[in-house]
Amino acid sequence: QVQLVESGGGLVQAGGSLRLSCAASGRTFSRNTMGWFRQAPGKEREFVAAITWTGGGTYYAGSVKGRFTISRDNAKNTVYLQMNSLKPDDTAVYCCAADADPYGSLYFTGAMYDYWGQGTQVTVSS
């Protein structure tokens, strides 16, 4: 059974930092594009960041570019999201996602991902 399990969320003050982790099990994703999405209360899910299987390619939503960094450790089957300079607008449930097909491109639409985690809550206070 394939699972993606996020961790690292929590409550932080504006301007603070958090590092999210997404650990995969059940299969390896070392050859697959991975992404992070978020959903705030009353809003639609939105793309945050994506990373290619090598880690050499990354793509960010404009709202987080320059503040968030996505990375991966294929040996650990884990993807990370370093979030700096957090703002109250970053408050949301953050989910990681994985593309089932290998060697994919950078995808920013949820429909391109096949596996999803349950999410971890990030709350930024003002």
PDB file of N, CA and C in Angstrom:
ATOM      1  N   GLN A   1       0.846  -1.181   0.000  1.00  0.00           N
ATOM      2  CA  GLN A   1       0.000   0.000   0.000  1.00  0.00           C
ATOM      3  C   GLN A   1       0.890   1.243   0.000  1.00  0.00           C
ATOM      4  N   VAL A   2       0.649   2.107  -0.962  1.00  0.00           N
ATOM      5  CA  VAL A   2       1.443   3.318  -1.069  1.00  0.00           C
ATOM      6  C   VAL A   2       0.913   4.361  -0.096  1.00  0.00           C
ATOM      7  N   GLN A   3       1.819   4.967   0.637  1.00  0.00           N
ATOM      8  CA  GLN A   3       1.431   6.026   1.559  1.00  0.00           C
ATOM      9  C   GLN A   3       2.392   7.196   1.461  1.00  0.00           C
ATOM     10  N   LEU A   4       1.835   8.388   1.571  1.00  0.00           N
ATOM     11  CA  LEU A   4       2.605   9.613   1.714  1.00  0.00           C
ATOM     12  C   LEU A   4       2.193  10.222   3.045  1.00  0.00           C
ATOM     13  N   VAL A   5       3.160  10.430   3.922  1.00  0.00           N
ATOM     14  CA  VAL A   5       2.854  10.930   5.256  1.00  0.00           C
ATOM     15  C   VAL A   5       3.627  12.216   5.507  1.00  0.00           C
ATOM     16  N   GLU A   6       2.872  13.297   5.694  1.00  0.00           N
ATOM     17  CA  GLU A   6       3.469  14.600   5.963  1.00  0.00           C
ATOM     18  C   GLU A   6       3.678  14.801   7.454  1.00  0.00           C
ATOM     19  N   SER A   7       4.674  15.604   7.775  1.00  0.00           N
ATOM     20  CA  SER A   7       4.938  15.992   9.152  1.00  0.00           C
ATOM     21  C   SER A   7       5.631  17.338   9.161  1.00  0.00           C
ATOM     22  N   GLY A   8       5.699  17.942  10.337  1.00  0.00           N
ATOM     23  CA  GLY A   8       6.417  19.192  10.491  1.00  0.00           C
ATOM     24  C   GLY A   8       5.546  20.420  10.581  1.00  0.00           C
ATOM     25  N   GLY A   9       4.252  20.263  10.428  1.00  0.00           N
ATOM     26  CA  GLY A   9       3.371  21.418  10.547  1.00  0.00           C
ATOM     27  C   GLY A   9       3.251  21.883  11.986  1.00  0.00           C
ATOM     28  N   GLY A  10       2.585  23.014  12.159  1.00  0.00           N
ATOM     29  CA  GLY A  10       2.396  23.535  13.500  1.00  0.00           C
ATOM     30  C   GLY A  10       1.992  24.983  13.491  1.00  0.00           C
ATOM     31  N   LEU A  11       2.089  25.599  14.655  1.00  0.00           N
ATOM     32  CA  LEU A  11       1.746  27.004  14.833  1.00  0.00           C
ATOM     33  C   LEU A  11       3.030  27.815  14.911  1.00  0.00           C
ATOM     34  N   VAL A  12       3.107  28.868  14.123  1.00  0.00           N
ATOM     35  CA  VAL A  12       4.296  29.712  14.100  1.00  0.00           C
ATOM     36  C   VAL A  12       3.866  31.159  13.936  1.00  0.00           C
ATOM     37  N   GLN A  13       4.659  32.070  14.442  1.00  0.00           N
ATOM     38  CA  GLN A  13       4.365  33.486  14.279  1.00  0.00           C
ATOM     39  C   GLN A  13       4.790  33.963  12.895  1.00  0.00           C
ATOM     40  N   ALA A  14       4.160  35.009  12.446  1.00  0.00           N
ATOM     41  CA  ALA A  14       4.525  35.602  11.167  1.00  0.00           C
ATOM     42  C   ALA A  14       6.017  35.936  11.161  1.00  0.00           C
ATOM     43  N   GLY A  15       6.659  35.622  10.055  1.00  0.00           N
ATOM     44  CA  GLY A  15       8.095  35.829   9.934  1.00  0.00           C
ATOM     45  C   GLY A  15       8.915  34.607  10.307  1.00  0.00           C
ATOM     46  N   GLY A  16       8.257  33.629  10.894  1.00  0.00           N
ATOM     47  CA  GLY A  16       8.953  32.419  11.311  1.00  0.00           C
ATOM     48  C   GLY A  16       9.132  31.407  10.198  1.00  0.00           C
ATOM     49  N   SER A  17       9.662  30.246  10.565  1.00  0.00           N
ATOM     50  CA  SER A  17       9.966  29.196   9.583  1.00  0.00           C
ATOM     51  C   SER A  17       9.458  27.849  10.060  1.00  0.00           C
ATOM     52  N   LEU A  18       9.177  27.015   9.088  1.00  0.00           N
ATOM     53  CA  LEU A  18       8.839  25.609   9.342  1.00  0.00           C
ATOM     54  C   LEU A  18       9.425  24.774   8.222  1.00  0.00           C
ATOM     55  N   ARG A  19       9.710  23.533   8.532  1.00  0.00           N
ATOM     56  CA  ARG A  19      10.169  22.595   7.513  1.00  0.00           C
ATOM     57  C   ARG A  19       9.243  21.396   7.501  1.00  0.00           C
ATOM     58  N   LEU A  20       8.563  21.209   6.391  1.00  0.00           N
ATOM     59  CA  LEU A  20       7.668  20.073   6.234  1.00  0.00           C
ATOM     60  C   LEU A  20       8.405  18.911   5.585  1.00  0.00           C
ATOM     61  N   SER A  21       8.023  17.714   5.979  1.00  0.00           N
ATOM     62  CA  SER A  21       8.566  16.496   5.377  1.00  0.00           C
ATOM     63  C   SER A  21       7.420  15.646   4.846  1.00  0.00           C
ATOM     64  N   CYS A  22       7.705  14.909   3.811  1.00  0.00           N
ATOM     65  CA  CYS A  22       6.732  13.974   3.246  1.00  0.00           C
ATOM     66  C   CYS A  22       7.473  12.668   2.993  1.00  0.00           C
ATOM     67  N   ALA A  23       7.183  11.674   3.799  1.00  0.00           N
ATOM     68  CA  ALA A  23       7.848  10.379   3.680  1.00  0.00           C
ATOM     69  C   ALA A  23       6.943   9.406   2.937  1.00  0.00           C
ATOM     70  N   ALA A  24       7.487   8.804   1.896  1.00  0.00           N
ATOM     71  CA  ALA A  24       6.728   7.854   1.094  1.00  0.00           C
ATOM     72  C   ALA A  24       7.076   6.428   1.482  1.00  0.00           C
ATOM     73  N   SER A  25       6.104   5.566   1.399  1.00  0.00           N
ATOM     74  CA  SER A  25       6.318   4.141   1.646  1.00  0.00           C
ATOM     75  C   SER A  25       5.448   3.333   0.701  1.00  0.00           C
ATOM     76  N   GLY A  26       5.780   2.071   0.544  1.00  0.00           N
ATOM     77  CA  GLY A  26       5.017   1.203  -0.339  1.00  0.00           C
ATOM     78  C   GLY A  26       5.576   1.095  -1.739  1.00  0.00           C
ATOM     79  N   ARG A  27       6.314   2.098  -2.162  1.00  0.00           N
ATOM     80  CA  ARG A  27       7.029   2.077  -3.427  1.00  0.00           C
ATOM     81  C   ARG A  27       8.022   3.224  -3.411  1.00  0.00           C
ATOM     82  N   THR A  28       8.968   3.170  -4.314  1.00  0.00           N
ATOM     83  CA  THR A  28       9.928   4.255  -4.407  1.00  0.00           C
ATOM     84  C   THR A  28       9.433   5.313  -5.379  1.00  0.00           C
ATOM     85  N   PHE A  29       9.721   6.563  -5.052  1.00  0.00           N
ATOM     86  CA  PHE A  29       9.394   7.679  -5.935  1.00  0.00           C
ATOM     87  C   PHE A  29      10.658   8.396  -6.385  1.00  0.00           C
ATOM     88  N   SER A  30      11.766   7.689  -6.361  1.00  0.00           N
ATOM     89  CA  SER A  30      13.048   8.311  -6.696  1.00  0.00           C
ATOM     90  C   SER A  30      13.136   8.715  -8.161  1.00  0.00           C
ATOM     91  N   ARG A  31      12.227   8.234  -8.996  1.00  0.00           N
ATOM     92  CA  ARG A  31      12.218   8.606 -10.420  1.00  0.00           C
ATOM     93  C   ARG A  31      10.969   9.413 -10.777  1.00  0.00           C
ATOM     94  N   ASN A  32      10.328  10.014  -9.782  1.00  0.00           N
ATOM     95  CA  ASN A  32       9.030  10.638  -9.997  1.00  0.00           C
ATOM     96  C   ASN A  32       8.987  12.088  -9.525  1.00  0.00           C
ATOM     97  N   THR A  33       8.235  12.890 -10.271  1.00  0.00           N
ATOM     98  CA  THR A  33       7.967  14.261  -9.847  1.00  0.00           C
ATOM     99  C   THR A  33       7.135  14.252  -8.562  1.00  0.00           C
ATOM    100  N   MET A  34       7.498  15.132  -7.655  1.00  0.00           N
ATOM    101  CA  MET A  34       6.768  15.295  -6.398  1.00  0.00           C
ATOM    102  C   MET A  34       6.343  16.751  -6.266  1.00  0.00           C
ATOM    103  N   GLY A  35       5.257  16.958  -5.536  1.00  0.00           N
ATOM    104  CA  GLY A  35       4.781  18.321  -5.378  1.00  0.00           C
ATOM    105  C   GLY A  35       4.171  18.558  -4.010  1.00  0.00           C
ATOM    106  N   TRP A  36       3.995  19.841  -3.704  1.00  0.00           N
ATOM    107  CA  TRP A  36       3.286  20.277  -2.493  1.00  0.00           C
ATOM    108  C   TRP A  36       2.116  21.165  -2.920  1.00  0.00           C
ATOM    109  N   PHE A  37       0.997  20.949  -2.267  1.00  0.00           N
ATOM    110  CA  PHE A  37      -0.201  21.757  -2.470  1.00  0.00           C
ATOM    111  C   PHE A  37      -0.714  22.186  -1.095  1.00  0.00           C
ATOM    112  N   ARG A  38      -1.571  23.180  -1.088  1.00  0.00           N
ATOM    113  CA  ARG A  38      -2.169  23.595   0.181  1.00  0.00           C
ATOM    114  C   ARG A  38      -3.621  23.994  -0.027  1.00  0.00           C
ATOM    115  N   GLN A  39      -4.372  23.898   1.050  1.00  0.00           N
ATOM    116  CA  GLN A  39      -5.772  24.304   0.998  1.00  0.00           C
ATOM    117  C   GLN A  39      -6.138  25.003   2.291  1.00  0.00           C
ATOM    118  N   ALA A  40      -6.534  26.247   2.144  1.00  0.00           N
ATOM    119  CA  ALA A  40      -6.980  27.047   3.283  1.00  0.00           C
ATOM    120  C   ALA A  40      -8.488  26.885   3.446  1.00  0.00           C
ATOM    121  N   PRO A  41      -9.005  27.144   4.648  1.00  0.00           N
ATOM    122  CA  PRO A  41     -10.447  27.009   4.877  1.00  0.00           C
ATOM    123  C   PRO A  41     -11.261  27.858   3.914  1.00  0.00           C
ATOM    124  N   GLY A  42     -12.236  27.250   3.274  1.00  0.00           N
ATOM    125  CA  GLY A  42     -13.101  27.973   2.368  1.00  0.00           C
ATOM    126  C   GLY A  42     -12.502  28.277   1.015  1.00  0.00           C
ATOM    127  N   LYS A  43     -11.302  27.778   0.762  1.00  0.00           N
ATOM    128  CA  LYS A  43     -10.638  28.052  -0.516  1.00  0.00           C
ATOM    129  C   LYS A  43     -10.335  26.749  -1.239  1.00  0.00           C
ATOM    130  N   GLU A  44     -10.089  26.873  -2.527  1.00  0.00           N
ATOM    131  CA  GLU A  44      -9.719  25.714  -3.312  1.00  0.00           C
ATOM    132  C   GLU A  44      -8.260  25.340  -3.052  1.00  0.00           C
ATOM    133  N   ARG A  45      -7.958  24.087  -3.322  1.00  0.00           N
ATOM    134  CA  ARG A  45      -6.579  23.643  -3.216  1.00  0.00           C
ATOM    135  C   ARG A  45      -5.722  24.397  -4.228  1.00  0.00           C
ATOM    136  N   GLU A  46      -4.514  24.782  -3.804  1.00  0.00           N
ATOM    137  CA  GLU A  46      -3.631  25.498  -4.715  1.00  0.00           C
ATOM    138  C   GLU A  46      -2.244  24.888  -4.709  1.00  0.00           C
ATOM    139  N   PHE A  47      -1.604  25.011  -5.835  1.00  0.00           N
ATOM    140  CA  PHE A  47      -0.237  24.523  -6.020  1.00  0.00           C
ATOM    141  C   PHE A  47       0.728  25.376  -5.225  1.00  0.00           C
ATOM    142  N   VAL A  48       1.741  24.724  -4.653  1.00  0.00           N
ATOM    143  CA  VAL A  48       2.778  25.444  -3.923  1.00  0.00           C
ATOM    144  C   VAL A  48       4.135  25.285  -4.612  1.00  0.00           C
ATOM    145  N   ALA A  49       4.562  24.022  -4.814  1.00  0.00           N
ATOM    146  CA  ALA A  49       5.884  23.781  -5.387  1.00  0.00           C
ATOM    147  C   ALA A  49       5.965  22.374  -5.953  1.00  0.00           C
ATOM    148  N   ALA A  50       6.887  22.182  -6.891  1.00  0.00           N
ATOM    149  CA  ALA A  50       7.121  20.859  -7.473  1.00  0.00           C
ATOM    150  C   ALA A  50       8.609  20.671  -7.716  1.00  0.00           C
ATOM    151  N   ILE A  51       9.008  19.406  -7.767  1.00  0.00           N
ATOM    152  CA  ILE A  51      10.422  19.090  -7.968  1.00  0.00           C
ATOM    153  C   ILE A  51      10.534  17.857  -8.858  1.00  0.00           C
ATOM    154  N   THR A  52      11.486  17.885  -9.789  1.00  0.00           N
ATOM    155  CA  THR A  52      11.706  16.738 -10.658  1.00  0.00           C
ATOM    156  C   THR A  52      12.428  15.622  -9.909  1.00  0.00           C
ATOM    157  N   TRP A  53      12.509  14.470 -10.546  1.00  0.00           N
ATOM    158  CA  TRP A  53      13.055  13.303  -9.857  1.00  0.00           C
ATOM    159  C   TRP A  53      14.515  13.473  -9.483  1.00  0.00           C
ATOM    160  N   THR A  54      15.265  14.247 -10.259  1.00  0.00           N
ATOM    161  CA  THR A  54      16.669  14.468  -9.919  1.00  0.00           C
ATOM    162  C   THR A  54      16.838  15.526  -8.844  1.00  0.00           C
ATOM    163  N   GLY A  55      15.798  16.318  -8.664  1.00  0.00           N
ATOM    164  CA  GLY A  55      15.927  17.456  -7.768  1.00  0.00           C
ATOM    165  C   GLY A  55      16.511  18.675  -8.461  1.00  0.00           C
ATOM    166  N   GLY A  56      16.912  18.505  -9.718  1.00  0.00           N
ATOM    167  CA  GLY A  56      17.538  19.611 -10.426  1.00  0.00           C
ATOM    168  C   GLY A  56      16.565  20.633 -10.972  1.00  0.00           C
ATOM    169  N   GLY A  57      15.299  20.257 -11.044  1.00  0.00           N
ATOM    170  CA  GLY A  57      14.279  21.181 -11.529  1.00  0.00           C
ATOM    171  C   GLY A  57      13.239  21.432 -10.461  1.00  0.00           C
ATOM    172  N   THR A  58      12.931  22.711 -10.250  1.00  0.00           N
ATOM    173  CA  THR A  58      11.915  23.077  -9.273  1.00  0.00           C
ATOM    174  C   THR A  58      11.027  24.161  -9.854  1.00  0.00           C
ATOM    175  N   TYR A  59       9.822  24.266  -9.309  1.00  0.00           N
ATOM    176  CA  TYR A  59       8.873  25.279  -9.773  1.00  0.00           C
ATOM    177  C   TYR A  59       8.021  25.692  -8.585  1.00  0.00           C
ATOM    178  N   TYR A  60       7.756  27.011  -8.481  1.00  0.00           N
ATOM    179  CA  TYR A  60       7.046  27.535  -7.330  1.00  0.00           C
ATOM    180  C   TYR A  60       5.868  28.408  -7.753  1.00  0.00           C
ATOM    181  N   ALA A  61       4.865  28.420  -6.910  1.00  0.00           N
ATOM    182  CA  ALA A  61       3.800  29.398  -7.084  1.00  0.00           C
ATOM    183  C   ALA A  61       4.370  30.780  -6.800  1.00  0.00           C
ATOM    184  N   GLY A  62       3.846  31.766  -7.474  1.00  0.00           N
ATOM    185  CA  GLY A  62       4.359  33.114  -7.310  1.00  0.00           C
ATOM    186  C   GLY A  62       4.261  33.617  -5.879  1.00  0.00           C
ATOM    187  N   SER A  63       3.242  33.155  -5.165  1.00  0.00           N
ATOM    188  CA  SER A  63       3.014  33.644  -3.805  1.00  0.00           C
ATOM    189  C   SER A  63       4.061  33.143  -2.808  1.00  0.00           C
ATOM    190  N   VAL A  64       4.806  32.089  -3.165  1.00  0.00           N
ATOM    191  CA  VAL A  64       5.793  31.538  -2.233  1.00  0.00           C
ATOM    192  C   VAL A  64       7.217  31.630  -2.760  1.00  0.00           C
ATOM    193  N   LYS A  65       7.370  31.990  -4.014  1.00  0.00           N
ATOM    194  CA  LYS A  65       8.704  32.040  -4.608  1.00  0.00           C
ATOM    195  C   LYS A  65       9.598  32.991  -3.845  1.00  0.00           C
ATOM    196  N   GLY A  66      10.795  32.523  -3.543  1.00  0.00           N
ATOM    197  CA  GLY A  66      11.746  33.319  -2.781  1.00  0.00           C
ATOM    198  C   GLY A  66      11.647  33.111  -1.279  1.00  0.00           C
ATOM    199  N   ARG A  67      10.549  32.478  -0.841  1.00  0.00           N
ATOM    200  CA  ARG A  67      10.375  32.207   0.599  1.00  0.00           C
ATOM    201  C   ARG A  67      10.398  30.711   0.905  1.00  0.00           C
ATOM    202  N   PHE A  68       9.883  29.897  -0.015  1.00  0.00           N
ATOM    203  CA  PHE A  68       9.814  28.444   0.178  1.00  0.00           C
ATOM    204  C   PHE A  68      10.846  27.757  -0.710  1.00  0.00           C
ATOM    205  N   THR A  69      11.354  26.617  -0.224  1.00  0.00           N
ATOM    206  CA  THR A  69      12.283  25.804  -1.009  1.00  0.00           C
ATOM    207  C   THR A  69      11.884  24.339  -0.917  1.00  0.00           C
ATOM    208  N   ILE A  70      11.693  23.724  -2.076  1.00  0.00           N
ATOM    209  CA  ILE A  70      11.386  22.302  -2.125  1.00  0.00           C
ATOM    210  C   ILE A  70      12.670  21.537  -2.405  1.00  0.00           C
ATOM    211  N   SER A  71      12.821  20.402  -1.751  1.00  0.00           N
ATOM    212  CA  SER A  71      13.992  19.555  -1.967  1.00  0.00           C
ATOM    213  C   SER A  71      13.594  18.102  -1.747  1.00  0.00           C
ATOM    214  N   ARG A  72      14.501  17.202  -2.040  1.00  0.00           N
ATOM    215  CA  ARG A  72      14.186  15.784  -1.875  1.00  0.00           C
ATOM    216  C   ARG A  72      15.437  15.004  -1.538  1.00  0.00           C
ATOM    217  N   ASP A  73      15.225  13.863  -0.890  1.00  0.00           N
ATOM    218  CA  ASP A  73      16.280  12.917  -0.595  1.00  0.00           C
ATOM    219  C   ASP A  73      15.792  11.568  -1.098  1.00  0.00           C
ATOM    220  N   ASN A  74      16.227  11.179  -2.276  1.00  0.00           N
ATOM    221  CA  ASN A  74      15.717   9.954  -2.884  1.00  0.00           C
ATOM    222  C   ASN A  74      16.119   8.702  -2.095  1.00  0.00           C
ATOM    223  N   ALA A  75      17.236   8.770  -1.417  1.00  0.00           N
ATOM    224  CA  ALA A  75      17.652   7.623  -0.611  1.00  0.00           C
ATOM    225  C   ALA A  75      16.673   7.373   0.531  1.00  0.00           C
ATOM    226  N   LYS A  76      16.035   8.451   0.990  1.00  0.00           N
ATOM    227  CA  LYS A  76      15.064   8.342   2.079  1.00  0.00           C
ATOM    228  C   LYS A  76      13.621   8.335   1.578  1.00  0.00           C
ATOM    229  N   ASN A  77      13.461   8.458   0.251  1.00  0.00           N
ATOM    230  CA  ASN A  77      12.116   8.471  -0.332  1.00  0.00           C
ATOM    231  C   ASN A  77      11.266   9.580   0.293  1.00  0.00           C
ATOM    232  N   THR A  78      11.895  10.748   0.466  1.00  0.00           N
ATOM    233  CA  THR A  78      11.287  11.858   1.198  1.00  0.00           C
ATOM    234  C   THR A  78      11.470  13.164   0.441  1.00  0.00           C
ATOM    235  N   VAL A  79      10.440  13.986   0.481  1.00  0.00           N
ATOM    236  CA  VAL A  79      10.505  15.329  -0.079  1.00  0.00           C
ATOM    237  C   VAL A  79      10.243  16.330   1.048  1.00  0.00           C
ATOM    238  N   TYR A  80      10.858  17.499   0.935  1.00  0.00           N
ATOM    239  CA  TYR A  80      10.791  18.510   1.984  1.00  0.00           C
ATOM    240  C   TYR A  80      10.263  19.826   1.422  1.00  0.00           C
ATOM    241  N   LEU A  81       9.745  20.647   2.324  1.00  0.00           N
ATOM    242  CA  LEU A  81       9.359  22.005   1.974  1.00  0.00           C
ATOM    243  C   LEU A  81       9.825  22.919   3.105  1.00  0.00           C
ATOM    244  N   GLN A  82      10.880  23.661   2.841  1.00  0.00           N
ATOM    245  CA  GLN A  82      11.371  24.652   3.799  1.00  0.00           C
ATOM    246  C   GLN A  82      10.606  25.937   3.581  1.00  0.00           C
ATOM    247  N   MET A  83       9.946  26.419   4.610  1.00  0.00           N
ATOM    248  CA  MET A  83       9.112  27.610   4.508  1.00  0.00           C
ATOM    249  C   MET A  83       9.673  28.688   5.425  1.00  0.00           C
ATOM    250  N   ASN A  84      10.120  29.781   4.840  1.00  0.00           N
ATOM    251  CA  ASN A  84      10.668  30.913   5.589  1.00  0.00           C
ATOM    252  C   ASN A  84       9.784  32.139   5.409  1.00  0.00           C
ATOM    253  N   SER A  85       9.972  33.106   6.275  1.00  0.00           N
ATOM    254  CA  SER A  85       9.221  34.365   6.194  1.00  0.00           C
ATOM    255  C   SER A  85       7.726  34.103   6.057  1.00  0.00           C
ATOM    256  N   LEU A  86       7.231  33.249   6.909  1.00  0.00           N
ATOM    257  CA  LEU A  86       5.827  32.844   6.808  1.00  0.00           C
ATOM    258  C   LEU A  86       4.893  34.010   7.096  1.00  0.00           C
ATOM    259  N   LYS A  87       3.758  33.990   6.401  1.00  0.00           N
ATOM    260  CA  LYS A  87       2.745  35.024   6.537  1.00  0.00           C
ATOM    261  C   LYS A  87       1.422  34.375   6.965  1.00  0.00           C
ATOM    262  N   PRO A  88       0.531  35.152   7.560  1.00  0.00           N
ATOM    263  CA  PRO A  88      -0.776  34.583   7.917  1.00  0.00           C
ATOM    264  C   PRO A  88      -1.506  33.960   6.718  1.00  0.00           C
ATOM    265  N   ASP A  89      -1.293  34.505   5.536  1.00  0.00           N
ATOM    266  CA  ASP A  89      -1.930  33.959   4.327  1.00  0.00           C
ATOM    267  C   ASP A  89      -1.402  32.573   3.961  1.00  0.00           C
ATOM    268  N   ASP A  90      -0.314  32.147   4.578  1.00  0.00           N
ATOM    269  CA  ASP A  90       0.215  30.805   4.320  1.00  0.00           C
ATOM    270  C   ASP A  90      -0.507  29.739   5.144  1.00  0.00           C
ATOM    271  N   THR A  91      -1.391  30.167   6.034  1.00  0.00           N
ATOM    272  CA  THR A  91      -2.135  29.225   6.853  1.00  0.00           C
ATOM    273  C   THR A  91      -2.985  28.315   5.981  1.00  0.00           C
ATOM    274  N   ALA A  92      -2.784  26.999   6.140  1.00  0.00           N
ATOM    275  CA  ALA A  92      -3.486  26.028   5.307  1.00  0.00           C
ATOM    276  C   ALA A  92      -3.088  24.619   5.732  1.00  0.00           C
ATOM    277  N   VAL A  93      -3.781  23.642   5.188  1.00  0.00           N
ATOM    278  CA  VAL A  93      -3.337  22.256   5.279  1.00  0.00           C
ATOM    279  C   VAL A  93      -2.448  21.995   4.073  1.00  0.00           C
ATOM    280  N   TYR A  94      -1.240  21.536   4.332  1.00  0.00           N
ATOM    281  CA  TYR A  94      -0.262  21.298   3.272  1.00  0.00           C
ATOM    282  C   TYR A  94      -0.187  19.796   2.991  1.00  0.00           C
ATOM    283  N   CYS A  95      -0.337  19.445   1.713  1.00  0.00           N
ATOM    284  CA  CYS A  95      -0.302  18.044   1.286  1.00  0.00           C
ATOM    285  C   CYS A  95       0.805  17.837   0.260  1.00  0.00           C
ATOM    286  N   CYS A  96       1.446  16.696   0.338  1.00  0.00           N
ATOM    287  CA  CYS A  96       2.383  16.345  -0.715  1.00  0.00           C
ATOM    288  C   CYS A  96       1.704  15.396  -1.691  1.00  0.00           C
ATOM    289  N   ALA A  97       2.257  15.348  -2.890  1.00  0.00           N
ATOM    290  CA  ALA A  97       1.676  14.528  -3.942  1.00  0.00           C
ATOM    291  C   ALA A  97       2.786  13.953  -4.806  1.00  0.00           C
ATOM    292  N   ALA A  98       2.498  12.819  -5.438  1.00  0.00           N
ATOM    293  CA  ALA A  98       3.494  12.141  -6.267  1.00  0.00           C
ATOM    294  C   ALA A  98       2.882  11.708  -7.596  1.00  0.00           C
ATOM    295  N   ASP A  99       3.647  11.867  -8.632  1.00  0.00           N
ATOM    296  CA  ASP A  99       3.263  11.403  -9.960  1.00  0.00           C
ATOM    297  C   ASP A  99       3.629   9.926 -10.082  1.00  0.00           C
ATOM    298  N   ALA A 100       2.730   9.109 -10.580  1.00  0.00           N
ATOM    299  CA  ALA A 100       2.998   7.673 -10.674  1.00  0.00           C
ATOM    300  C   ALA A 100       3.984   7.334 -11.777  1.00  0.00           C
ATOM    301  N   ASP A 101       4.043   8.150 -12.816  1.00  0.00           N
ATOM    302  CA  ASP A 101       4.900   7.851 -13.963  1.00  0.00           C
ATOM    303  C   ASP A 101       6.293   8.429 -13.756  1.00  0.00           C
ATOM    304  N   PRO A 102       7.324   7.707 -14.140  1.00  0.00           N
ATOM    305  CA  PRO A 102       8.695   8.182 -13.940  1.00  0.00           C
ATOM    306  C   PRO A 102       9.100   9.258 -14.944  1.00  0.00           C
ATOM    307  N   TYR A 103      10.102  10.016 -14.547  1.00  0.00           N
ATOM    308  CA  TYR A 103      10.761  10.993 -15.424  1.00  0.00           C
ATOM    309  C   TYR A 103       9.797  12.054 -15.953  1.00  0.00           C
ATOM    310  N   GLY A 104       8.849  12.452 -15.153  1.00  0.00           N
ATOM    311  CA  GLY A 104       7.887  13.454 -15.568  1.00  0.00           C
ATOM    312  C   GLY A 104       8.443  14.863 -15.504  1.00  0.00           C
ATOM    313  N   SER A 105       7.626  15.792 -15.954  1.00  0.00           N
ATOM    314  CA  SER A 105       8.003  17.203 -15.926  1.00  0.00           C
ATOM    315  C   SER A 105       7.518  17.825 -14.620  1.00  0.00           C
ATOM    316  N   LEU A 106       7.664  19.139 -14.538  1.00  0.00           N
ATOM    317  CA  LEU A 106       7.170  19.873 -13.376  1.00  0.00           C
ATOM    318  C   LEU A 106       5.695  20.170 -13.581  1.00  0.00           C
ATOM    319  N   TYR A 107       4.865  19.655 -12.713  1.00  0.00           N
ATOM    320  CA  TYR A 107       3.433  19.826 -12.855  1.00  0.00           C
ATOM    321  C   TYR A 107       2.893  20.719 -11.746  1.00  0.00           C
ATOM    322  N   PHE A 108       2.000  21.640 -12.130  1.00  0.00           N
ATOM    323  CA  PHE A 108       1.395  22.502 -11.137  1.00  0.00           C
ATOM    324  C   PHE A 108      -0.114  22.298 -11.015  1.00  0.00           C
ATOM    325  N   THR A 109      -0.634  21.311 -11.731  1.00  0.00           N
ATOM    326  CA  THR A 109      -2.046  20.973 -11.597  1.00  0.00           C
ATOM    327  C   THR A 109      -2.188  19.669 -10.833  1.00  0.00           C
ATOM    328  N   GLY A 110      -3.134  19.638  -9.906  1.00  0.00           N
ATOM    329  CA  GLY A 110      -3.321  18.470  -9.077  1.00  0.00           C
ATOM    330  C   GLY A 110      -3.662  17.217  -9.855  1.00  0.00           C
ATOM    331  N   ALA A 111      -4.311  17.380 -11.009  1.00  0.00           N
ATOM    332  CA  ALA A 111      -4.736  16.225 -11.792  1.00  0.00           C
ATOM    333  C   ALA A 111      -3.562  15.396 -12.305  1.00  0.00           C
ATOM    334  N   MET A 112      -2.364  15.978 -12.319  1.00  0.00           N
ATOM    335  CA  MET A 112      -1.192  15.255 -12.824  1.00  0.00           C
ATOM    336  C   MET A 112      -0.571  14.362 -11.763  1.00  0.00           C
ATOM    337  N   TYR A 113      -1.049  14.435 -10.554  1.00  0.00           N
ATOM    338  CA  TYR A 113      -0.503  13.640  -9.460  1.00  0.00           C
ATOM    339  C   TYR A 113      -1.455  12.499  -9.106  1.00  0.00           C
ATOM    340  N   ASP A 114      -0.872  11.361  -8.762  1.00  0.00           N
ATOM    341  CA  ASP A 114      -1.666  10.163  -8.545  1.00  0.00           C
ATOM    342  C   ASP A 114      -1.780   9.756  -7.078  1.00  0.00           C
ATOM    343  N   TYR A 115      -0.803  10.158  -6.294  1.00  0.00           N
ATOM    344  CA  TYR A 115      -0.804   9.791  -4.883  1.00  0.00           C
ATOM    345  C   TYR A 115      -0.774  11.055  -4.039  1.00  0.00           C
ATOM    346  N   TRP A 116      -1.532  11.017  -2.938  1.00  0.00           N
ATOM    347  CA  TRP A 116      -1.657  12.192  -2.073  1.00  0.00           C
ATOM    348  C   TRP A 116      -1.536  11.787  -0.610  1.00  0.00           C
ATOM    349  N   GLY A 117      -0.919  12.676   0.165  1.00  0.00           N
ATOM    350  CA  GLY A 117      -0.900  12.495   1.587  1.00  0.00           C
ATOM    351  C   GLY A 117      -2.138  13.105   2.226  1.00  0.00           C
ATOM    352  N   GLN A 118      -2.276  12.898   3.521  1.00  0.00           N
ATOM    353  CA  GLN A 118      -3.443  13.415   4.255  1.00  0.00           C
ATOM    354  C   GLN A 118      -3.285  14.881   4.622  1.00  0.00           C
ATOM    355  N   GLY A 119      -2.046  15.329   4.684  1.00  0.00           N
ATOM    356  CA  GLY A 119      -1.805  16.732   4.958  1.00  0.00           C
ATOM    357  C   GLY A 119      -1.363  17.012   6.380  1.00  0.00           C
ATOM    358  N   THR A 120      -0.733  18.161   6.544  1.00  0.00           N
ATOM    359  CA  THR A 120      -0.316  18.643   7.856  1.00  0.00           C
ATOM    360  C   THR A 120      -0.711  20.109   7.975  1.00  0.00           C
ATOM    361  N   GLN A 121      -1.228  20.486   9.122  1.00  0.00           N
ATOM    362  CA  GLN A 121      -1.749  21.852   9.324  1.00  0.00           C
ATOM    363  C   GLN A 121      -0.600  22.816   9.619  1.00  0.00           C
ATOM    364  N   VAL A 122      -0.616  23.918   8.910  1.00  0.00           N
ATOM    365  CA  VAL A 122       0.299  25.028   9.174  1.00  0.00           C
ATOM    366  C   VAL A 122      -0.541  26.248   9.512  1.00  0.00           C
ATOM    367  N   THR A 123      -0.289  26.819  10.674  1.00  0.00           N
ATOM    368  CA  THR A 123      -1.020  28.003  11.107  1.00  0.00           C
ATOM    369  C   THR A 123      -0.013  29.097  11.431  1.00  0.00           C
ATOM    370  N   VAL A 124      -0.178  30.243  10.780  1.00  0.00           N
ATOM    371  CA  VAL A 124       0.714  31.372  10.981  1.00  0.00           C
ATOM    372  C   VAL A 124      -0.079  32.484  11.648  1.00  0.00           C
ATOM    373  N   SER A 125       0.355  32.862  12.825  1.00  0.00           N
ATOM    374  CA  SER A 125      -0.330  33.917  13.567  1.00  0.00           C
ATOM    375  C   SER A 125       0.302  35.266  13.280  1.00  0.00           C
ATOM    376  N   SER A 126      -0.520  36.284  13.331  1.00  0.00           N
ATOM    377  CA  SER A 126      -0.025  37.644  13.034  1.00  0.00           C
ATOM    378  C   SER A 126       0.483  38.341  14.282  1.00  0.00           C
TER     379      SER A 126
END
